[in-house]
C-alpha atoms as a PDB file:
ATOM      1  CA  UNK A   1      -5.460  36.362  45.151  1.00  0.00           C
ATOM      2  CA  UNK A   2      -8.182  35.464  42.585  1.00  0.00           C
ATOM      3  CA  UNK A   3      -6.409  37.665  39.955  1.00  0.00           C
ATOM      4  CA  UNK A   4      -3.165  35.742  40.365  1.00  0.00           C
ATOM      5  CA  UNK A   5      -4.990  32.394  40.029  1.00  0.00           C
ATOM      6  CA  UNK A   6      -6.653  33.581  36.821  1.00  0.00           C
ATOM      7  CA  UNK A   7      -3.264  34.766  35.423  1.00  0.00           C
ATOM      8  CA  UNK A   8      -1.679  31.372  36.105  1.00  0.00           C
ATOM      9  CA  UNK A   9      -4.682  29.580  34.567  1.00  0.00           C
ATOM     10  CA  UNK A  10      -4.484  31.754  31.471  1.00  0.00           C
ATOM     11  CA  UNK A  11      -0.708  31.347  31.133  1.00  0.00           C
ATOM     12  CA  UNK A  12      -1.239  27.512  31.549  1.00  0.00           C
ATOM     13  CA  UNK A  13      -3.938  27.576  28.760  1.00  0.00           C
ATOM     14  CA  UNK A  14      -1.737  29.508  26.423  1.00  0.00           C
ATOM     15  CA  UNK A  15       1.263  27.271  27.057  1.00  0.00           C
ATOM     16  CA  UNK A  16      -0.752  24.074  26.444  1.00  0.00           C
ATOM     17  CA  UNK A  17      -2.163  25.688  23.273  1.00  0.00           C
ATOM     18  CA  UNK A  18       1.387  26.473  22.015  1.00  0.00           C
ATOM     19  CA  UNK A  19       2.606  23.018  22.875  1.00  0.00           C
ATOM     20  CA  UNK A  20      -0.261  21.262  21.157  1.00  0.00           C
ATOM     21  CA  UNK A  21       0.169  23.560  18.074  1.00  0.00           C
ATOM     22  CA  UNK A  22       3.842  22.540  17.792  1.00  0.00           C
ATOM     23  CA  UNK A  23       3.221  18.880  17.439  1.00  0.00           C
ATOM     24  CA  UNK A  24       3.242  17.411  13.936  1.00  0.00           C
ATOM     25  CA  UNK A  25      -0.063  15.567  13.278  1.00  0.00           C
ATOM     26  CA  UNK A  26       1.058  14.697   9.689  1.00  0.00           C
ATOM     27  CA  UNK A  27       3.649  12.216  10.744  1.00  0.00           C
ATOM     28  CA  UNK A  28       1.286   9.200  10.279  1.00  0.00           C
ATOM     29  CA  UNK A  29       2.704   6.726   7.754  1.00  0.00           C
ATOM     30  CA  UNK A  30       0.332   4.653   5.742  1.00  0.00           C
ATOM     31  CA  UNK A  31       0.170   1.173   7.186  1.00  0.00           C
ATOM     32  CA  UNK A  32       1.415  -1.859   5.152  1.00  0.00           C
ATOM     33  CA  UNK A  33      -1.635  -3.675   3.728  1.00  0.00           C
ATOM     34  CA  UNK A  34      -1.097  -7.456   3.369  1.00  0.00           C
ATOM     35  CA  UNK A  35      -2.642  -9.409   0.580  1.00  0.00           C
ATOM     36  CA  UNK A  36      -2.444 -12.818  -0.973  1.00  0.00           C
ATOM     37  CA  UNK A  37      -2.011 -13.549  -4.704  1.00  0.00           C
ATOM     38  CA  UNK A  38      -3.944 -16.750  -5.606  1.00  0.00           C
ATOM     39  CA  UNK A  39      -2.203 -18.495  -8.541  1.00  0.00           C
ATOM     40  CA  UNK A  40      -0.947 -21.944  -9.143  1.00  0.00           C
ATOM     41  CA  UNK A  41       2.705 -20.978  -8.861  1.00  0.00           C
ATOM     42  CA  UNK A  42       4.177 -18.041  -6.853  1.00  0.00           C
ATOM     43  CA  UNK A  43       7.776 -19.122  -7.529  1.00  0.00           C
ATOM     44  CA  UNK A  44       8.830 -16.357  -9.929  1.00  0.00           C
ATOM     45  CA  UNK A  45       6.119 -13.715  -9.432  1.00  0.00           C
ATOM     46  CA  UNK A  46       7.145 -10.376  -8.044  1.00  0.00           C
ATOM     47  CA  UNK A  47       5.265  -7.265  -7.330  1.00  0.00           C
ATOM     48  CA  UNK A  48       5.948  -3.522  -7.460  1.00  0.00           C
ATOM     49  CA  UNK A  49       4.310  -0.743  -5.469  1.00  0.00           C
ATOM     50  CA  UNK A  50       5.746   2.668  -4.887  1.00  0.00           C
ATOM     51  CA  UNK A  51       9.515   2.167  -4.699  1.00  0.00           C
ATOM     52  CA  UNK A  52       9.123  -1.398  -3.395  1.00  0.00           C
ATOM     53  CA  UNK A  53       9.840  -4.463  -5.574  1.00  0.00           C
ATOM     54  CA  UNK A  54       9.806  -7.835  -4.031  1.00  0.00           C
ATOM     55  CA  UNK A  55       8.965 -11.509  -4.733  1.00  0.00           C
ATOM     56  CA  UNK A  56       5.595 -12.847  -3.607  1.00  0.00           C
ATOM     57  CA  UNK A  57       6.295 -15.450  -0.960  1.00  0.00           C
ATOM     58  CA  UNK A  58       5.406 -19.170  -1.252  1.00  0.00           C
ATOM     59  CA  UNK A  59       1.911 -18.568   0.079  1.00  0.00           C
ATOM     60  CA  UNK A  60       1.261 -15.649  -2.214  1.00  0.00           C
ATOM     61  CA  UNK A  61       1.704 -13.080   0.485  1.00  0.00           C
ATOM     62  CA  UNK A  62       2.621  -9.553  -0.494  1.00  0.00           C
ATOM     63  CA  UNK A  63       2.575  -6.254   1.511  1.00  0.00           C
ATOM     64  CA  UNK A  64       2.306  -2.690   0.211  1.00  0.00           C
ATOM     65  CA  UNK A  65       1.468   0.716   1.754  1.00  0.00           C
ATOM     66  CA  UNK A  66       0.672   2.349  -1.527  1.00  0.00           C
ATOM     67  CA  UNK A  67      -1.449   1.295  -4.575  1.00  0.00           C
ATOM     68  CA  UNK A  68      -1.643   0.403  -7.391  1.00  0.00           C
ATOM     69  CA  UNK A  69       0.357  -2.855  -7.116  1.00  0.00           C
ATOM     70  CA  UNK A  70       1.669  -4.442 -10.226  1.00  0.00           C
ATOM     71  CA  UNK A  71       2.437  -8.121 -10.574  1.00  0.00           C
ATOM     72  CA  UNK A  72       5.078  -9.536 -12.935  1.00  0.00           C
ATOM     73  CA  UNK A  73       6.428 -12.854 -14.045  1.00  0.00           C
ATOM     74  CA  UNK A  74       9.936 -12.597 -15.602  1.00  0.00           C
ATOM     75  CA  UNK A  75       9.672  -9.095 -17.181  1.00  0.00           C
ATOM     76  CA  UNK A  76       5.979  -9.530 -18.287  1.00  0.00           C
ATOM     77  CA  UNK A  77       3.313  -7.655 -16.374  1.00  0.00           C
ATOM     78  CA  UNK A  78       0.523 -10.101 -15.311  1.00  0.00           C
ATOM     79  CA  UNK A  79      -1.739  -7.443 -13.973  1.00  0.00           C
ATOM     80  CA  UNK A  80      -2.329  -4.769 -11.432  1.00  0.00           C
ATOM     81  CA  UNK A  81      -4.719  -3.936  -8.554  1.00  0.00           C
ATOM     82  CA  UNK A  82      -5.781  -0.546  -7.301  1.00  0.00           C
ATOM     83  CA  UNK A  83      -7.273  -1.788  -4.057  1.00  0.00           C
ATOM     84  CA  UNK A  84      -7.622  -4.966  -1.852  1.00  0.00           C
ATOM     85  CA  UNK A  85     -10.886  -6.729  -1.070  1.00  0.00           C
ATOM     86  CA  UNK A  86     -11.776  -7.208   2.624  1.00  0.00           C
ATOM     87  CA  UNK A  87     -10.690 -10.904   2.375  1.00  0.00           C
ATOM     88  CA  UNK A  88      -7.297  -9.783   1.103  1.00  0.00           C
ATOM     89  CA  UNK A  89      -7.134 -12.435  -1.666  1.00  0.00           C
ATOM     90  CA  UNK A  90      -6.286 -11.377  -5.172  1.00  0.00           C
ATOM     91  CA  UNK A  91      -7.412 -13.688  -7.967  1.00  0.00           C
ATOM     92  CA  UNK A  92      -6.320 -13.388 -11.557  1.00  0.00           C
ATOM     93  CA  UNK A  93      -9.769 -12.013 -12.494  1.00  0.00           C
ATOM     94  CA  UNK A  94      -9.280  -9.163  -9.985  1.00  0.00           C
ATOM     95  CA  UNK A  95      -6.340  -7.823 -11.894  1.00  0.00           C
ATOM     96  CA  UNK A  96      -6.546  -4.981 -14.395  1.00  0.00           C
ATOM     97  CA  UNK A  97      -4.656  -5.002 -17.736  1.00  0.00           C
ATOM     98  CA  UNK A  98      -4.710  -2.606 -20.620  1.00  0.00           C
ATOM     99  CA  UNK A  99      -5.860  -4.248 -23.894  1.00  0.00           C
ATOM    100  CA  UNK A 100      -2.451  -3.823 -25.386  1.00  0.00           C
ATOM    101  CA  UNK A 101      -0.831  -5.501 -22.355  1.00  0.00           C
ATOM    102  CA  UNK A 102      -3.251  -8.482 -22.714  1.00  0.00           C
ATOM    103  CA  UNK A 103      -2.301  -8.955 -26.431  1.00  0.00           C
ATOM    104  CA  UNK A 104       1.437  -8.757 -25.566  1.00  0.00           C
ATOM    105  CA  UNK A 105       1.129 -11.166 -22.674  1.00  0.00           C
ATOM    106  CA  UNK A 106      -1.011 -13.649 -24.678  1.00  0.00           C
ATOM    107  CA  UNK A 107       1.710 -13.534 -27.499  1.00  0.00           C
ATOM    108  CA  UNK A 108       4.559 -14.177 -25.092  1.00  0.00           C
ATOM    109  CA  UNK A 109       2.689 -17.000 -23.476  1.00  0.00           C
ATOM    110  CA  UNK A 110       1.719 -18.629 -26.740  1.00  0.00           C
ATOM    111  CA  UNK A 111       5.273 -18.429 -27.975  1.00  0.00           C
ATOM    112  CA  UNK A 112       6.780 -20.407 -24.974  1.00  0.00           C
END
């Protein structure tokens, strides 16, 4: 009688092990992280992250699951961020730009 109970217990453990091994634990998708771009005008600013390209809403809100995030006005890159602060606000001084991008942006702004 004890031998049969042990067999059932072992079969149950092996079955549970097989079932737990068959589940896919890598199906987690990265959660969308929401941030707020702080500028005087969000009307024509859009952002790109991964394959996503959308306008920043009237409150400066944007959401991405991947970083970096690039911000653009017209076709001019304003800057990019590689992470979000805990407060989720992105100020112009938080953005990164390559030196060549800064010169190009300043020339375009000055010529308007």
